[in-house]
């Protein structure tokens, strides 16, 4: 695989001047946040790259598992910052949702699909768990915000169903359906055009790394499937755990929109 030199990296970073100049000329207030995000990405990726080198060399199952737990904590903290609900209400549901989705689907992929002798092998375990977390994070944030907004917009219908004998679960089901649909519509749209309209980064990376197109395609198909499945498992786990905190014992909505 052809390596990217420091000069090549610098030339690549110069491309970011294009969106920055456009934002500046059009007075779109994104210049500062874009620069901040870019710098954070560069620093974080270099630090993670240095750490992963040592992690791959050590390759101890308990260190790899500890790193996965740390990633789950970071994902939980990020999710809490991006939602409007109280952190104390969502910390445990988010953490449990990420952990359940990542472990169930990640272990299935490593043990059954890749058929690894050691499912905690750093080369596979850490990238797969990180990939699943990244996808679960976006879905959980979007779905939860949509669920809460839908509950408040349709609260009269919710209380009508509740007054006619529906359970809290049955009365909140329309809002749940709306949240799931909004969160997964982009995933389904990307899945439908993959290969024709878009070329996934994972597949391109594998091909550039020397893998055959057939191998890269198989991996990409499995990655799309496991991220989709892990996201729905994670989301339902989060919603089931947070549901009791959204309503009181009489089924009344206890949170503000």
C-alpha atoms as a PDB file:
ATOM      1  CA  UNK A   1       0.000   0.000   0.000  1.00  0.00           C
ATOM      2  CA  UNK A   2       1.321   3.438  -0.959  1.00  0.00           C
ATOM      3  CA  UNK A   3       2.050   5.496   2.148  1.00  0.00           C
ATOM      4  CA  UNK A   4       0.981   9.129   2.526  1.00  0.00           C
ATOM      5  CA  UNK A   5       4.025  11.311   3.189  1.00  0.00           C
ATOM      6  CA  UNK A   6       4.040  14.351   5.467  1.00  0.00           C
ATOM      7  CA  UNK A   7       4.077  16.538   2.356  1.00  0.00           C
ATOM      8  CA  UNK A   8       1.063  14.669   0.987  1.00  0.00           C
ATOM      9  CA  UNK A   9      -0.717  15.061   4.309  1.00  0.00           C
ATOM     10  CA  UNK A  10      -0.038  18.797   4.290  1.00  0.00           C
ATOM     11  CA  UNK A  11      -1.335  19.099   0.704  1.00  0.00           C
ATOM     12  CA  UNK A  12      -4.455  17.192   1.737  1.00  0.00           C
ATOM     13  CA  UNK A  13      -5.066  19.532   4.659  1.00  0.00           C
ATOM     14  CA  UNK A  14      -4.865  22.480   2.254  1.00  0.00           C
ATOM     15  CA  UNK A  15      -8.158  21.277   0.758  1.00  0.00           C
ATOM     16  CA  UNK A  16      -9.898  22.420   3.932  1.00  0.00           C
ATOM     17  CA  UNK A  17      -9.207  26.003   2.857  1.00  0.00           C
ATOM     18  CA  UNK A  18     -12.001  25.640   0.278  1.00  0.00           C
ATOM     19  CA  UNK A  19     -14.919  25.148   2.711  1.00  0.00           C
ATOM     20  CA  UNK A  20     -13.362  27.626   5.167  1.00  0.00           C
ATOM     21  CA  UNK A  21     -13.185  30.329   2.486  1.00  0.00           C
ATOM     22  CA  UNK A  22     -16.754  29.594   1.384  1.00  0.00           C
ATOM     23  CA  UNK A  23     -18.023  29.798   4.983  1.00  0.00           C
ATOM     24  CA  UNK A  24     -16.136  33.065   5.468  1.00  0.00           C
ATOM     25  CA  UNK A  25     -17.309  34.710   2.236  1.00  0.00           C
ATOM     26  CA  UNK A  26     -20.946  33.729   2.848  1.00  0.00           C
ATOM     27  CA  UNK A  27     -20.673  34.669   6.530  1.00  0.00           C
ATOM     28  CA  UNK A  28     -21.773  31.237   7.624  1.00  0.00           C
ATOM     29  CA  UNK A  29     -20.820  30.945  11.325  1.00  0.00           C
ATOM     30  CA  UNK A  30     -18.962  27.669  10.907  1.00  0.00           C
ATOM     31  CA  UNK A  31     -15.348  28.743  10.458  1.00  0.00           C
ATOM     32  CA  UNK A  32     -14.425  28.550  14.132  1.00  0.00           C
ATOM     33  CA  UNK A  33     -16.203  25.246  14.780  1.00  0.00           C
ATOM     34  CA  UNK A  34     -14.709  23.714  11.614  1.00  0.00           C
ATOM     35  CA  UNK A  35     -11.169  24.707  12.602  1.00  0.00           C
ATOM     36  CA  UNK A  36     -11.748  23.480  16.140  1.00  0.00           C
ATOM     37  CA  UNK A  37     -13.127  20.170  14.894  1.00  0.00           C
ATOM     38  CA  UNK A  38     -10.271  19.741  12.411  1.00  0.00           C
ATOM     39  CA  UNK A  39      -7.581  20.379  15.026  1.00  0.00           C
ATOM     40  CA  UNK A  40      -9.255  18.062  17.519  1.00  0.00           C
ATOM     41  CA  UNK A  41      -9.526  15.334  14.884  1.00  0.00           C
ATOM     42  CA  UNK A  42      -5.816  15.576  13.973  1.00  0.00           C
ATOM     43  CA  UNK A  43      -4.636  15.539  17.591  1.00  0.00           C
ATOM     44  CA  UNK A  44      -6.999  12.767  18.658  1.00  0.00           C
ATOM     45  CA  UNK A  45      -6.200  10.525  15.691  1.00  0.00           C
ATOM     46  CA  UNK A  46      -2.453  10.875  16.204  1.00  0.00           C
ATOM     47  CA  UNK A  47      -2.760  10.133  19.922  1.00  0.00           C
ATOM     48  CA  UNK A  48      -5.017   7.145  19.265  1.00  0.00           C
ATOM     49  CA  UNK A  49      -2.661   5.935  16.537  1.00  0.00           C
ATOM     50  CA  UNK A  50       0.292   6.026  18.928  1.00  0.00           C
ATOM     51  CA  UNK A  51      -1.711   4.281  21.629  1.00  0.00           C
ATOM     52  CA  UNK A  52      -3.055   1.596  19.299  1.00  0.00           C
ATOM     53  CA  UNK A  53       0.480   0.682  18.208  1.00  0.00           C
ATOM     54  CA  UNK A  54       1.308  -0.281  21.794  1.00  0.00           C
ATOM     55  CA  UNK A  55      -2.128  -1.819  22.282  1.00  0.00           C
ATOM     56  CA  UNK A  56      -1.700  -4.102  19.271  1.00  0.00           C
ATOM     57  CA  UNK A  57       1.756  -5.133  20.476  1.00  0.00           C
ATOM     58  CA  UNK A  58       0.540  -5.976  23.996  1.00  0.00           C
ATOM     59  CA  UNK A  59      -2.701  -7.623  22.785  1.00  0.00           C
ATOM     60  CA  UNK A  60      -4.009  -8.569  26.239  1.00  0.00           C
ATOM     61  CA  UNK A  61      -7.723  -9.384  26.409  1.00  0.00           C
ATOM     62  CA  UNK A  62      -8.319  -7.409  29.615  1.00  0.00           C
ATOM     63  CA  UNK A  63      -6.568  -4.319  28.221  1.00  0.00           C
ATOM     64  CA  UNK A  64      -8.634  -4.527  25.045  1.00  0.00           C
ATOM     65  CA  UNK A  65     -11.837  -4.923  27.067  1.00  0.00           C
ATOM     66  CA  UNK A  66     -10.865  -1.996  29.280  1.00  0.00           C
ATOM     67  CA  UNK A  67     -10.259   0.148  26.204  1.00  0.00           C
ATOM     68  CA  UNK A  68     -13.725  -0.816  24.893  1.00  0.00           C
ATOM     69  CA  UNK A  69     -15.272   0.287  28.201  1.00  0.00           C
ATOM     70  CA  UNK A  70     -13.389   3.588  28.009  1.00  0.00           C
ATOM     71  CA  UNK A  71     -14.691   4.125  24.468  1.00  0.00           C
ATOM     72  CA  UNK A  72     -18.218   3.378  25.716  1.00  0.00           C
ATOM     73  CA  UNK A  73     -17.825   5.970  28.492  1.00  0.00           C
ATOM     74  CA  UNK A  74     -16.614   8.575  25.976  1.00  0.00           C
ATOM     75  CA  UNK A  75     -19.531   7.784  23.638  1.00  0.00           C
ATOM     76  CA  UNK A  76     -21.940   8.119  26.566  1.00  0.00           C
ATOM     77  CA  UNK A  77     -20.458  11.488  27.527  1.00  0.00           C
ATOM     78  CA  UNK A  78     -20.726  12.700  23.925  1.00  0.00           C
ATOM     79  CA  UNK A  79     -24.358  11.582  23.710  1.00  0.00           C
ATOM     80  CA  UNK A  80     -25.202  13.359  26.972  1.00  0.00           C
ATOM     81  CA  UNK A  81     -23.722  16.609  25.650  1.00  0.00           C
ATOM     82  CA  UNK A  82     -25.803  16.470  22.490  1.00  0.00           C
ATOM     83  CA  UNK A  83     -29.213  15.822  24.018  1.00  0.00           C
ATOM     84  CA  UNK A  84     -31.451  18.285  25.809  1.00  0.00           C
ATOM     85  CA  UNK A  85     -32.425  15.925  28.624  1.00  0.00           C
ATOM     86  CA  UNK A  86     -30.812  15.790  32.042  1.00  0.00           C
ATOM     87  CA  UNK A  87     -27.543  13.783  32.062  1.00  0.00           C
ATOM     88  CA  UNK A  88     -28.586  12.021  35.262  1.00  0.00           C
ATOM     89  CA  UNK A  89     -31.611  10.666  33.428  1.00  0.00           C
ATOM     90  CA  UNK A  90     -29.715   9.293  30.439  1.00  0.00           C
ATOM     91  CA  UNK A  91     -26.245   8.262  31.607  1.00  0.00           C
ATOM     92  CA  UNK A  92     -27.085   4.663  32.544  1.00  0.00           C
ATOM     93  CA  UNK A  93     -29.504   4.034  29.610  1.00  0.00           C
ATOM     94  CA  UNK A  94     -26.989   5.342  27.061  1.00  0.00           C
ATOM     95  CA  UNK A  95     -24.089   3.384  28.557  1.00  0.00           C
ATOM     96  CA  UNK A  96     -26.140   0.175  28.751  1.00  0.00           C
ATOM     97  CA  UNK A  97     -27.494   0.624  25.225  1.00  0.00           C
ATOM     98  CA  UNK A  98     -24.030   1.103  23.726  1.00  0.00           C
ATOM     99  CA  UNK A  99     -22.593  -1.811  25.699  1.00  0.00           C
ATOM    100  CA  UNK A 100     -25.407  -4.266  24.912  1.00  0.00           C
ATOM    101  CA  UNK A 101     -25.485  -3.446  21.188  1.00  0.00           C
ATOM    102  CA  UNK A 102     -21.698  -3.472  20.868  1.00  0.00           C
ATOM    103  CA  UNK A 103     -21.122  -6.693  22.803  1.00  0.00           C
ATOM    104  CA  UNK A 104     -23.957  -8.760  21.324  1.00  0.00           C
ATOM    105  CA  UNK A 105     -23.365  -7.854  17.679  1.00  0.00           C
ATOM    106  CA  UNK A 106     -19.598  -7.381  17.957  1.00  0.00           C
ATOM    107  CA  UNK A 107     -19.011 -10.762  19.596  1.00  0.00           C
ATOM    108  CA  UNK A 108     -21.324 -12.443  17.069  1.00  0.00           C
ATOM    109  CA  UNK A 109     -19.370 -10.910  14.183  1.00  0.00           C
ATOM    110  CA  UNK A 110     -15.966 -11.838  15.598  1.00  0.00           C
ATOM    111  CA  UNK A 111     -16.899 -15.333  16.793  1.00  0.00           C
ATOM    112  CA  UNK A 112     -19.387 -16.523  14.175  1.00  0.00           C
ATOM    113  CA  UNK A 113     -18.699 -14.551  10.998  1.00  0.00           C
ATOM    114  CA  UNK A 114     -14.925 -14.069  11.195  1.00  0.00           C
ATOM    115  CA  UNK A 115     -14.590 -17.247  13.323  1.00  0.00           C
ATOM    116  CA  UNK A 116     -11.618 -15.944  15.274  1.00  0.00           C
ATOM    117  CA  UNK A 117      -9.986 -18.163  17.864  1.00  0.00           C
ATOM    118  CA  UNK A 118      -9.503 -15.124  20.098  1.00  0.00           C
ATOM    119  CA  UNK A 119     -12.386 -12.658  19.818  1.00  0.00           C
ATOM    120  CA  UNK A 120     -10.477 -10.146  21.962  1.00  0.00           C
ATOM    121  CA  UNK A 121      -7.622  -9.900  19.461  1.00  0.00           C
ATOM    122  CA  UNK A 122      -6.795  -6.181  19.361  1.00  0.00           C
ATOM    123  CA  UNK A 123      -6.516  -5.972  15.574  1.00  0.00           C
ATOM    124  CA  UNK A 124     -10.181  -6.927  15.190  1.00  0.00           C
ATOM    125  CA  UNK A 125     -11.892  -6.309  18.522  1.00  0.00           C
ATOM    126  CA  UNK A 126     -11.040  -2.622  18.981  1.00  0.00           C
ATOM    127  CA  UNK A 127     -11.786  -1.390  15.400  1.00  0.00           C
ATOM    128  CA  UNK A 128     -15.070  -3.309  15.238  1.00  0.00           C
ATOM    129  CA  UNK A 129     -16.239  -2.108  18.651  1.00  0.00           C
ATOM    130  CA  UNK A 130     -15.288   1.472  17.761  1.00  0.00           C
ATOM    131  CA  UNK A 131     -17.108   1.218  14.430  1.00  0.00           C
ATOM    132  CA  UNK A 132     -20.279  -0.016  16.132  1.00  0.00           C
ATOM    133  CA  UNK A 133     -20.103   2.698  18.787  1.00  0.00           C
ATOM    134  CA  UNK A 134     -19.815   5.458  16.188  1.00  0.00           C
ATOM    135  CA  UNK A 135     -22.962   4.313  14.408  1.00  0.00           C
ATOM    136  CA  UNK A 136     -24.944   3.625  17.583  1.00  0.00           C
ATOM    137  CA  UNK A 137     -24.104   7.090  18.897  1.00  0.00           C
ATOM    138  CA  UNK A 138     -25.713   8.995  16.026  1.00  0.00           C
ATOM    139  CA  UNK A 139     -28.817   6.808  15.922  1.00  0.00           C
ATOM    140  CA  UNK A 140     -29.425   7.034  19.684  1.00  0.00           C
ATOM    141  CA  UNK A 141     -29.107  10.827  19.813  1.00  0.00           C
ATOM    142  CA  UNK A 142     -31.403  11.447  16.842  1.00  0.00           C
ATOM    143  CA  UNK A 143     -34.000   8.891  17.912  1.00  0.00           C
ATOM    144  CA  UNK A 144     -34.204  10.018  21.526  1.00  0.00           C
ATOM    145  CA  UNK A 145     -34.601  13.697  20.627  1.00  0.00           C
ATOM    146  CA  UNK A 146     -37.264  12.774  18.068  1.00  0.00           C
ATOM    147  CA  UNK A 147     -39.056  10.547  20.586  1.00  0.00           C
ATOM    148  CA  UNK A 148     -39.271  13.328  23.181  1.00  0.00           C
ATOM    149  CA  UNK A 149     -40.347  15.960  20.618  1.00  0.00           C
ATOM    150  CA  UNK A 150     -42.995  13.625  19.220  1.00  0.00           C
ATOM    151  CA  UNK A 151     -44.346  12.889  22.689  1.00  0.00           C
ATOM    152  CA  UNK A 152     -44.831  16.597  23.385  1.00  0.00           C
ATOM    153  CA  UNK A 153     -46.278  17.425  19.965  1.00  0.00           C
ATOM    154  CA  UNK A 154     -48.729  14.545  20.238  1.00  0.00           C
ATOM    155  CA  UNK A 155     -49.315  14.739  23.977  1.00  0.00           C
ATOM    156  CA  UNK A 156     -53.077  15.290  23.558  1.00  0.00           C
ATOM    157  CA  UNK A 157     -53.346  12.110  21.490  1.00  0.00           C
ATOM    158  CA  UNK A 158     -51.097  10.335  24.010  1.00  0.00           C
ATOM    159  CA  UNK A 159     -53.351  11.309  26.941  1.00  0.00           C
ATOM    160  CA  UNK A 160     -56.433  10.377  24.914  1.00  0.00           C
ATOM    161  CA  UNK A 161     -55.058   6.866  24.367  1.00  0.00           C
ATOM    162  CA  UNK A 162     -54.056   6.684  28.033  1.00  0.00           C
ATOM    163  CA  UNK A 163     -57.536   7.751  29.134  1.00  0.00           C
ATOM    164  CA  UNK A 164     -59.129   5.078  26.974  1.00  0.00           C
ATOM    165  CA  UNK A 165     -57.276   2.274  28.714  1.00  0.00           C
ATOM    166  CA  UNK A 166     -54.003   2.100  26.797  1.00  0.00           C
ATOM    167  CA  UNK A 167     -50.828   1.337  28.706  1.00  0.00           C
ATOM    168  CA  UNK A 168     -47.943   3.791  28.740  1.00  0.00           C
ATOM    169  CA  UNK A 169     -46.150   1.599  26.200  1.00  0.00           C
ATOM    170  CA  UNK A 170     -49.165   1.467  23.867  1.00  0.00           C
ATOM    171  CA  UNK A 171     -49.832   5.209  24.137  1.00  0.00           C
ATOM    172  CA  UNK A 172     -46.200   6.110  23.448  1.00  0.00           C
ATOM    173  CA  UNK A 173     -45.834   3.646  20.552  1.00  0.00           C
ATOM    174  CA  UNK A 174     -46.682   6.213  17.796  1.00  0.00           C
ATOM    175  CA  UNK A 175     -43.867   8.452  19.069  1.00  0.00           C
ATOM    176  CA  UNK A 176     -41.525   5.481  19.237  1.00  0.00           C
ATOM    177  CA  UNK A 177     -42.328   4.529  15.638  1.00  0.00           C
ATOM    178  CA  UNK A 178     -41.672   8.111  14.511  1.00  0.00           C
ATOM    179  CA  UNK A 179     -38.320   8.189  16.326  1.00  0.00           C
ATOM    180  CA  UNK A 180     -37.135   4.890  14.866  1.00  0.00           C
ATOM    181  CA  UNK A 181     -38.237   5.871  11.372  1.00  0.00           C
ATOM    182  CA  UNK A 182     -36.418   9.216  11.468  1.00  0.00           C
ATOM    183  CA  UNK A 183     -33.246   7.688  12.907  1.00  0.00           C
ATOM    184  CA  UNK A 184     -33.020   4.801  10.455  1.00  0.00           C
ATOM    185  CA  UNK A 185     -34.224   6.447   7.245  1.00  0.00           C
ATOM    186  CA  UNK A 186     -30.713   7.809   6.447  1.00  0.00           C
ATOM    187  CA  UNK A 187     -29.171   4.384   7.190  1.00  0.00           C
ATOM    188  CA  UNK A 188     -31.593   2.663   4.822  1.00  0.00           C
ATOM    189  CA  UNK A 189     -31.076   5.306   2.128  1.00  0.00           C
ATOM    190  CA  UNK A 190     -27.279   4.893   2.305  1.00  0.00           C
ATOM    191  CA  UNK A 191     -27.628   1.127   2.223  1.00  0.00           C
ATOM    192  CA  UNK A 192     -29.822   1.276  -0.884  1.00  0.00           C
ATOM    193  CA  UNK A 193     -27.325   3.288  -2.976  1.00  0.00           C
ATOM    194  CA  UNK A 194     -24.103   1.745  -1.681  1.00  0.00           C
ATOM    195  CA  UNK A 195     -21.839   0.696  -4.534  1.00  0.00           C
ATOM    196  CA  UNK A 196     -23.739   2.630  -7.210  1.00  0.00           C
ATOM    197  CA  UNK A 197     -23.867   6.166  -5.835  1.00  0.00           C
ATOM    198  CA  UNK A 198     -21.435   5.941  -2.912  1.00  0.00           C
ATOM    199  CA  UNK A 199     -18.221   4.015  -2.391  1.00  0.00           C
ATOM    200  CA  UNK A 200     -17.847   3.270   1.331  1.00  0.00           C
ATOM    201  CA  UNK A 201     -14.628   4.342   3.032  1.00  0.00           C
ATOM    202  CA  UNK A 202     -14.090   0.931   4.589  1.00  0.00           C
ATOM    203  CA  UNK A 203     -14.212  -0.826   1.235  1.00  0.00           C
ATOM    204  CA  UNK A 204     -11.956   1.732  -0.440  1.00  0.00           C
ATOM    205  CA  UNK A 205      -9.499   1.510   2.462  1.00  0.00           C
ATOM    206  CA  UNK A 206      -9.286  -2.259   2.152  1.00  0.00           C
ATOM    207  CA  UNK A 207      -8.752  -2.121  -1.594  1.00  0.00           C
ATOM    208  CA  UNK A 208      -6.045   0.524  -1.197  1.00  0.00           C
ATOM    209  CA  UNK A 209      -4.520  -1.679   1.495  1.00  0.00           C
ATOM    210  CA  UNK A 210      -4.143  -4.561  -0.964  1.00  0.00           C
ATOM    211  CA  UNK A 211      -7.286  -6.645  -0.380  1.00  0.00           C
ATOM    212  CA  UNK A 212      -9.119  -8.028  -3.382  1.00  0.00           C
ATOM    213  CA  UNK A 213     -12.405  -6.321  -4.360  1.00  0.00           C
ATOM    214  CA  UNK A 214     -14.306  -9.520  -3.476  1.00  0.00           C
ATOM    215  CA  UNK A 215     -12.893  -9.542   0.061  1.00  0.00           C
ATOM    216  CA  UNK A 216     -13.499  -5.810   0.499  1.00  0.00           C
ATOM    217  CA  UNK A 217     -17.101  -6.173  -0.674  1.00  0.00           C
ATOM    218  CA  UNK A 218     -17.820  -9.017   1.751  1.00  0.00           C
ATOM    219  CA  UNK A 219     -16.417  -7.041   4.646  1.00  0.00           C
ATOM    220  CA  UNK A 220     -18.392  -3.964   3.645  1.00  0.00           C
ATOM    221  CA  UNK A 221     -21.660  -5.901   3.445  1.00  0.00           C
ATOM    222  CA  UNK A 222     -21.100  -7.379   6.889  1.00  0.00           C
ATOM    223  CA  UNK A 223     -20.130  -4.004   8.352  1.00  0.00           C
ATOM    224  CA  UNK A 224     -23.326  -2.394   7.059  1.00  0.00           C
ATOM    225  CA  UNK A 225     -25.389  -5.229   8.524  1.00  0.00           C
ATOM    226  CA  UNK A 226     -23.735  -5.309  11.946  1.00  0.00           C
ATOM    227  CA  UNK A 227     -23.844  -1.524  12.371  1.00  0.00           C
ATOM    228  CA  UNK A 228     -27.539  -1.516  11.438  1.00  0.00           C
ATOM    229  CA  UNK A 229     -28.406  -4.356  13.813  1.00  0.00           C
ATOM    230  CA  UNK A 230     -26.269  -3.026  16.674  1.00  0.00           C
ATOM    231  CA  UNK A 231     -27.911   0.397  16.320  1.00  0.00           C
ATOM    232  CA  UNK A 232     -31.469  -0.930  16.644  1.00  0.00           C
ATOM    233  CA  UNK A 233     -30.543  -3.165  19.595  1.00  0.00           C
ATOM    234  CA  UNK A 234     -28.765  -0.263  21.283  1.00  0.00           C
ATOM    235  CA  UNK A 235     -31.637   2.132  20.653  1.00  0.00           C
ATOM    236  CA  UNK A 236     -34.319  -0.191  22.016  1.00  0.00           C
ATOM    237  CA  UNK A 237     -32.201  -0.929  25.083  1.00  0.00           C
ATOM    238  CA  UNK A 238     -31.740   2.796  25.721  1.00  0.00           C
ATOM    239  CA  UNK A 239     -35.434   3.593  25.216  1.00  0.00           C
ATOM    240  CA  UNK A 240     -36.619   0.742  27.426  1.00  0.00           C
ATOM    241  CA  UNK A 241     -34.341   1.880  30.242  1.00  0.00           C
ATOM    242  CA  UNK A 242     -35.166   5.575  29.900  1.00  0.00           C
ATOM    243  CA  UNK A 243     -38.912   5.063  29.440  1.00  0.00           C
ATOM    244  CA  UNK A 244     -39.586   4.708  33.163  1.00  0.00           C
ATOM    245  CA  UNK A 245     -37.853   8.070  33.695  1.00  0.00           C
ATOM    246  CA  UNK A 246     -39.962   9.870  31.098  1.00  0.00           C
ATOM    247  CA  UNK A 247     -43.313   9.074  32.755  1.00  0.00           C
ATOM    248  CA  UNK A 248     -44.606   8.983  36.318  1.00  0.00           C
ATOM    249  CA  UNK A 249     -46.616   6.109  37.807  1.00  0.00           C
ATOM    250  CA  UNK A 250     -49.833   7.473  36.289  1.00  0.00           C
ATOM    251  CA  UNK A 251     -48.244   7.638  32.835  1.00  0.00           C
ATOM    252  CA  UNK A 252     -47.959  11.426  32.737  1.00  0.00           C
ATOM    253  CA  UNK A 253     -45.030  12.898  30.792  1.00  0.00           C
ATOM    254  CA  UNK A 254     -42.533  14.241  33.299  1.00  0.00           C
ATOM    255  CA  UNK A 255     -40.029  15.945  31.000  1.00  0.00           C
ATOM    256  CA  UNK A 256     -40.101  19.240  29.157  1.00  0.00           C
ATOM    257  CA  UNK A 257     -39.665  19.520  25.405  1.00  0.00           C
END
